[in-house]
Amino acid sequence: MAPVDSACQGLSDVGVSIDSADAPHRMNERIPITVVIATLNEASRLGAALEAVRWADEVIVADAGSTDGTTEIASSAGAQVLTVAGRTIGAQRNAAIAAARNPWILALDADEIVTPELKDSLARQASEPRRSAAAFRIRSRNWHLGTELRHGPWGRDWKVRVFSSDQRYTGDRVHERLQNLENVESLDGDLLHYPYRDLPHHVMKVAKYSRWAADDLRERGQRTTPLDVLVRPFWRFVRDYVVFGGWRDGRAGFVVAVVSAFSVFCKYATLLLPSEKAPF
């Protein structure tokens, strides 16, 4: 399926319509904002994300060394491509922000699609000469295991993704965040987020991120105990499934809560053990 068809299908699946006859006219109305996307081997998903931001004045893809054609897809869509190998996601984004020509930034992942409502909010925000806020949070609608996760932590997911170009991300390997963040407001419209291809991809990704999170904690001097390895995963499941209402998402909510608890187990078990590398 061509990128435009894929993007249109993804939006129509959640009740967002696209008038193809009006699309060329809208795409000529460039919004003075720079979209930055950090990538690594995202060829299967990047096309839809780029198609949904064709209205942006500038799109910069900061790639960490893809080998699957990601950069070719970005270039063919008209995006500027930067190679930022061996760095964190925050460092990739910072490199793209430093190269941006617009005063406002929209930071995306390759598995996120901007809705028309969010595009309209961004157009209004960018057209105002002065704003009290330096950053804006956006609601993320998360789809996984064949359904939208409307409850649990995924159902209350707001991300600060729009901000002035003088902002920079931290160097954390996991959960990178903007430094010195103040005066944050909210924008109308959503990001459609498809974080995992399937359950095995979910498990592999959280296992990798858990190792990185443990490394971040170790570098900050944090230590842990066997009790943490037992109690923290249990509490994460109770929080996500019971307290935050993940049970209302049915079987998908249960599975996601179990994997979330597993990620906490991996993080603190890795932190508990000495840091080592295989001898081969």
Protein backbone atom coordinates (compact mmCIF):
# COMPACT_ATOMS: atom_id res chain seq x y z
CA MET A 1 0.00 0.00 0.00
CA ALA A 2 1.30 3.47 -0.88
CA PRO A 3 2.12 5.84 2.02
CA VAL A 4 -0.85 8.11 1.33
CA ASP A 5 -3.23 5.16 1.29
CA SER A 6 -1.75 3.81 4.51
CA ALA A 7 -2.14 7.15 6.29
CA CYS A 8 -5.70 7.59 5.08
CA GLN A 9 -6.58 4.07 6.19
CA GLY A 10 -5.11 4.65 9.65
CA LEU A 11 -7.14 7.83 10.11
CA SER A 12 -10.35 6.35 8.76
CA ASP A 13 -10.06 3.44 11.18
CA VAL A 14 -10.62 5.87 14.06
CA GLY A 15 -13.39 7.85 12.45
CA VAL A 16 -11.28 10.64 10.91
CA SER A 17 -12.24 11.41 7.32
CA ILE A 18 -10.00 12.87 4.64
CA ASP A 19 -11.45 14.64 1.64
CA SER A 20 -8.97 13.67 -1.07
CA ALA A 21 -10.31 16.28 -3.46
CA ASP A 22 -9.49 19.03 -1.00
CA ALA A 23 -6.14 17.57 0.08
CA PRO A 24 -3.92 19.31 -2.54
CA HIS A 25 -5.36 22.70 -1.58
CA ARG A 26 -4.75 22.09 2.12
CA MET A 27 -1.20 20.85 1.58
CA ASN A 28 -0.32 24.16 -0.11
CA GLU A 29 -1.17 25.94 3.15
CA ARG A 30 2.12 25.39 4.94
CA ILE A 31 2.13 25.87 8.70
CA PRO A 32 5.30 27.56 10.02
CA ILE A 33 6.34 24.73 12.31
CA THR A 34 9.20 22.23 12.16
CA VAL A 35 8.37 18.56 12.69
CA VAL A 36 11.25 16.49 14.08
CA ILE A 37 11.17 12.69 14.01
CA ALA A 38 13.82 10.43 15.56
CA THR A 39 14.13 7.11 13.71
CA LEU A 40 15.95 3.80 13.63
CA ASN A 41 14.74 1.19 11.13
CA GLU A 42 11.19 2.56 10.88
CA ALA A 43 10.60 1.95 7.15
CA SER A 44 7.34 0.09 7.76
CA ARG A 45 5.76 2.94 9.73
CA LEU A 46 7.41 6.21 8.78
CA GLY A 47 5.44 6.78 5.58
CA ALA A 48 2.11 7.23 7.35
CA ALA A 49 3.61 9.65 9.89
CA LEU A 50 5.14 11.78 7.12
CA GLU A 51 1.96 11.75 5.05
CA ALA A 52 0.01 13.17 7.99
CA VAL A 53 2.34 16.20 8.33
CA ARG A 54 2.68 17.23 4.68
CA TRP A 55 1.27 20.61 5.73
CA ALA A 56 4.38 21.40 7.84
CA ASP A 57 6.80 24.02 6.56
CA GLU A 58 9.73 21.78 7.50
CA VAL A 59 10.20 18.12 8.45
CA ILE A 60 13.53 16.87 9.80
CA VAL A 61 14.21 13.16 10.33
CA ALA A 62 17.12 12.48 12.71
CA ASP A 63 18.17 8.91 11.96
CA ALA A 64 20.38 6.75 14.17
CA GLY A 65 21.76 4.59 11.35
CA SER A 66 18.85 2.74 9.74
CA THR A 67 19.56 -0.09 7.31
CA ASP A 68 16.00 -0.79 6.12
CA GLY A 69 15.38 2.15 3.79
CA THR A 70 14.05 4.55 6.41
CA THR A 71 16.18 7.46 5.20
CA GLU A 72 15.21 6.86 1.59
CA ILE A 73 11.53 7.02 2.51
CA ALA A 74 12.11 10.24 4.43
CA SER A 75 14.03 11.86 1.57
CA SER A 76 11.43 10.84 -1.03
CA ALA A 77 8.75 12.49 1.13
CA GLY A 78 10.69 15.76 1.10
CA ALA A 79 12.07 15.57 4.63
CA GLN A 80 15.56 16.72 5.56
CA VAL A 81 17.58 13.78 6.89
CA LEU A 82 20.26 14.06 9.57
CA THR A 83 22.43 11.12 10.62
CA VAL A 84 22.85 11.05 14.40
CA ALA A 85 24.30 7.61 15.10
CA GLY A 86 25.14 6.16 18.50
CA ARG A 87 23.12 8.69 20.44
CA THR A 88 19.98 8.73 22.60
CA ILE A 89 16.54 9.63 21.24
CA GLY A 90 16.82 12.93 23.09
CA ALA A 91 20.14 13.65 21.36
CA GLN A 92 18.61 12.80 17.98
CA ARG A 93 15.77 15.23 18.61
CA ASN A 94 18.16 17.92 19.86
CA ALA A 95 20.18 17.69 16.65
CA ALA A 96 17.03 18.17 14.59
CA ILE A 97 15.82 21.05 16.78
CA ALA A 98 19.17 22.81 16.38
CA ALA A 99 18.77 22.63 12.59
CA ALA A 100 15.15 23.85 12.57
CA ARG A 101 14.28 27.13 10.86
CA ASN A 102 10.93 27.70 12.61
CA PRO A 103 10.28 29.03 16.12
CA TRP A 104 7.93 26.14 17.01
CA ILE A 105 8.72 22.42 17.09
CA LEU A 106 6.45 19.37 16.90
CA ALA A 107 8.35 16.27 18.08
CA LEU A 108 6.97 12.99 16.77
CA ASP A 109 7.82 9.32 16.79
CA ALA A 110 7.55 7.31 13.57
CA ASP A 111 4.60 5.37 15.02
CA GLU A 112 2.46 8.49 15.60
CA ILE A 113 -0.05 10.13 13.25
CA VAL A 114 -1.26 13.72 13.60
CA THR A 115 -5.04 14.12 13.26
CA PRO A 116 -6.62 16.95 11.24
CA GLU A 117 -7.96 18.45 14.48
CA LEU A 118 -4.45 18.65 15.91
CA LYS A 119 -3.18 20.15 12.67
CA ASP A 120 -5.82 22.91 12.97
CA SER A 121 -4.77 23.59 16.58
CA LEU A 122 -1.14 23.85 15.50
CA ALA A 123 -2.08 26.27 12.72
CA ARG A 124 -3.90 28.53 15.19
CA GLN A 125 -1.06 28.36 17.69
CA ALA A 126 1.63 29.11 15.11
CA SER A 127 -0.30 32.10 13.75
CA GLU A 128 -0.45 33.88 17.10
CA PRO A 129 2.48 36.30 17.48
CA ARG A 130 2.82 35.90 21.23
CA ARG A 131 1.90 33.07 23.60
CA SER A 132 2.37 32.81 27.35
CA ALA A 133 3.14 29.10 27.07
CA ALA A 134 6.54 27.78 26.01
CA ALA A 135 5.21 24.25 25.43
CA PHE A 136 2.00 22.34 24.81
CA ARG A 137 0.82 18.88 25.76
CA ILE A 138 -1.14 16.68 23.36
CA ARG A 139 -3.43 13.75 24.10
CA SER A 140 -2.17 10.44 22.72
CA ARG A 141 -4.70 7.80 21.68
CA ASN A 142 -2.92 4.45 21.89
CA TRP A 143 -3.75 1.40 19.78
CA HIS A 144 -2.39 -2.06 20.57
CA LEU A 145 -3.50 -5.70 20.35
CA GLY A 146 -6.27 -4.79 17.91
CA THR A 147 -8.00 -2.17 20.04
CA GLU A 148 -7.71 1.33 21.42
CA LEU A 149 -6.55 1.29 25.03
CA ARG A 150 -9.01 3.77 26.49
CA HIS A 151 -8.29 3.03 30.16
CA GLY A 152 -5.33 2.30 32.41
CA PRO A 153 -2.21 4.46 32.03
CA TRP A 154 -2.53 4.37 28.23
CA GLY A 155 -5.94 6.02 28.47
CA ARG A 156 -4.55 9.06 30.32
CA ASP A 157 -1.54 9.62 28.09
CA TRP A 158 -0.65 13.28 27.48
CA LYS A 159 2.71 14.17 25.97
CA VAL A 160 4.52 17.50 25.76
CA ARG A 161 5.39 17.51 22.06
CA VAL A 162 4.98 21.12 20.90
CA PHE A 163 7.46 23.68 22.19
CA SER A 164 9.64 26.64 21.28
CA SER A 165 12.85 25.91 19.40
CA ASP A 166 15.06 27.06 22.27
CA GLN A 167 14.03 24.00 24.30
CA ARG A 168 16.22 20.87 24.49
CA TYR A 169 15.79 17.28 25.65
CA THR A 170 17.67 15.53 28.44
CA GLY A 171 20.18 12.81 27.60
CA ASP A 172 18.28 10.01 29.36
CA ARG A 173 18.16 6.75 27.42
CA VAL A 174 14.52 6.17 28.42
CA HIS A 175 11.72 8.68 29.03
CA GLU A 176 13.68 11.60 27.67
CA ARG A 177 12.06 14.89 28.63
CA LEU A 178 12.40 18.57 27.95
CA GLN A 179 14.70 20.48 30.29
CA ASN A 180 13.43 23.32 32.48
CA LEU A 181 9.86 22.89 31.32
CA GLU A 182 7.47 25.64 32.47
CA ASN A 183 4.19 27.24 31.36
CA VAL A 184 2.71 24.19 29.66
CA GLU A 185 -0.77 24.41 28.10
CA SER A 186 -2.88 21.88 26.18
CA LEU A 187 -3.84 21.69 22.52
CA ASP A 188 -7.01 20.30 20.97
CA GLY A 189 -6.69 17.28 18.72
CA ASP A 190 -4.94 13.96 19.16
CA LEU A 191 -1.92 11.90 18.22
CA LEU A 192 -2.83 8.42 17.02
CA HIS A 193 -0.15 6.15 18.47
CA TYR A 194 0.61 2.59 17.32
CA PRO A 195 3.53 1.74 19.66
CA TYR A 196 3.99 -1.98 18.90
CA ARG A 197 3.53 -4.20 15.87
CA ASP A 198 2.35 -7.14 18.00
CA LEU A 199 2.81 -8.70 21.44
CA PRO A 200 6.31 -10.16 20.80
CA HIS A 201 7.48 -6.74 19.59
CA HIS A 202 6.02 -5.21 22.76
CA VAL A 203 7.86 -7.65 25.02
CA MET A 204 11.18 -7.26 23.19
CA LYS A 205 10.94 -3.49 23.25
CA VAL A 206 10.17 -3.20 26.97
CA ALA A 207 13.00 -5.61 27.77
CA LYS A 208 15.45 -3.41 25.86
CA TYR A 209 14.11 -0.19 27.39
CA SER A 210 14.23 -1.73 30.86
CA ARG A 211 17.96 -2.32 30.46
CA TRP A 212 18.46 1.29 29.41
CA ALA A 213 16.33 2.53 32.32
CA ALA A 214 18.41 0.47 34.75
CA ASP A 215 21.60 1.95 33.26
CA ASP A 216 20.18 5.46 33.77
CA LEU A 217 19.41 4.69 37.42
CA ARG A 218 22.84 3.16 37.98
CA GLU A 219 24.56 6.22 36.51
CA ARG A 220 22.61 8.41 38.94
CA GLY A 221 23.88 6.29 41.83
CA GLN A 222 20.59 4.53 42.61
CA ARG A 223 20.66 1.04 44.09
CA THR A 224 17.97 -1.54 44.72
CA THR A 225 17.14 -4.61 46.80
CA PRO A 226 15.51 -8.00 46.18
CA LEU A 227 12.40 -6.61 47.87
CA ASP A 228 12.11 -3.97 45.12
CA VAL A 229 12.33 -6.71 42.48
CA LEU A 230 9.35 -8.44 44.11
CA VAL A 231 7.16 -5.55 45.25
CA ARG A 232 7.55 -2.96 42.50
CA PRO A 233 6.29 -5.19 39.63
CA PHE A 234 3.32 -6.31 41.74
CA TRP A 235 2.40 -2.71 42.53
CA ARG A 236 2.74 -1.72 38.87
CA PHE A 237 0.22 -4.39 37.88
CA VAL A 238 -2.20 -3.35 40.63
CA ARG A 239 -1.83 0.32 39.67
CA ASP A 240 -2.31 -0.18 35.94
CA TYR A 241 -5.00 -2.85 36.03
CA VAL A 242 -7.01 -1.96 39.14
CA VAL A 243 -6.33 1.62 40.25
CA PHE A 244 -6.13 3.11 36.73
CA GLY A 245 -8.92 0.88 35.44
CA GLY A 246 -7.01 -1.14 32.85
CA TRP A 247 -9.46 -3.99 33.44
CA ARG A 248 -12.02 -2.00 31.46
CA ASP A 249 -10.01 -2.68 28.30
CA GLY A 250 -10.74 -6.39 28.58
CA ARG A 251 -8.13 -8.99 27.64
CA ALA A 252 -5.90 -6.39 26.02
CA GLY A 253 -5.90 -4.36 29.24
CA PHE A 254 -4.88 -7.43 31.24
CA VAL A 255 -2.04 -8.37 28.90
CA VAL A 256 -0.72 -4.80 28.75
CA ALA A 257 -0.73 -4.56 32.56
CA VAL A 258 1.19 -7.86 32.84
CA VAL A 259 3.82 -6.67 30.34
CA SER A 260 4.10 -3.38 32.22
CA ALA A 261 4.80 -5.29 35.44
CA PHE A 262 7.35 -7.40 33.55
CA SER A 263 9.14 -4.25 32.40
CA VAL A 264 9.48 -3.10 36.02
CA PHE A 265 10.81 -6.53 37.01
CA CYS A 266 13.42 -6.39 34.24
CA LYS A 267 14.51 -2.88 35.21
CA TYR A 268 15.05 -3.59 38.90
CA ALA A 269 16.45 -7.10 38.36
CA THR A 270 19.01 -5.58 35.98
CA LEU A 271 19.82 -2.87 38.51
CA LEU A 272 20.20 -5.47 41.26
CA LEU A 273 22.76 -7.50 39.33
CA PRO A 274 26.29 -6.30 38.52
CA SER A 275 26.65 -4.64 35.14
CA GLU A 276 28.38 -7.02 32.77
CA LYS A 277 28.78 -7.88 29.12
CA ALA A 278 29.07 -11.28 27.50
CA PRO A 279 32.70 -12.29 26.71
CA PHE A 280 31.85 -12.81 23.03
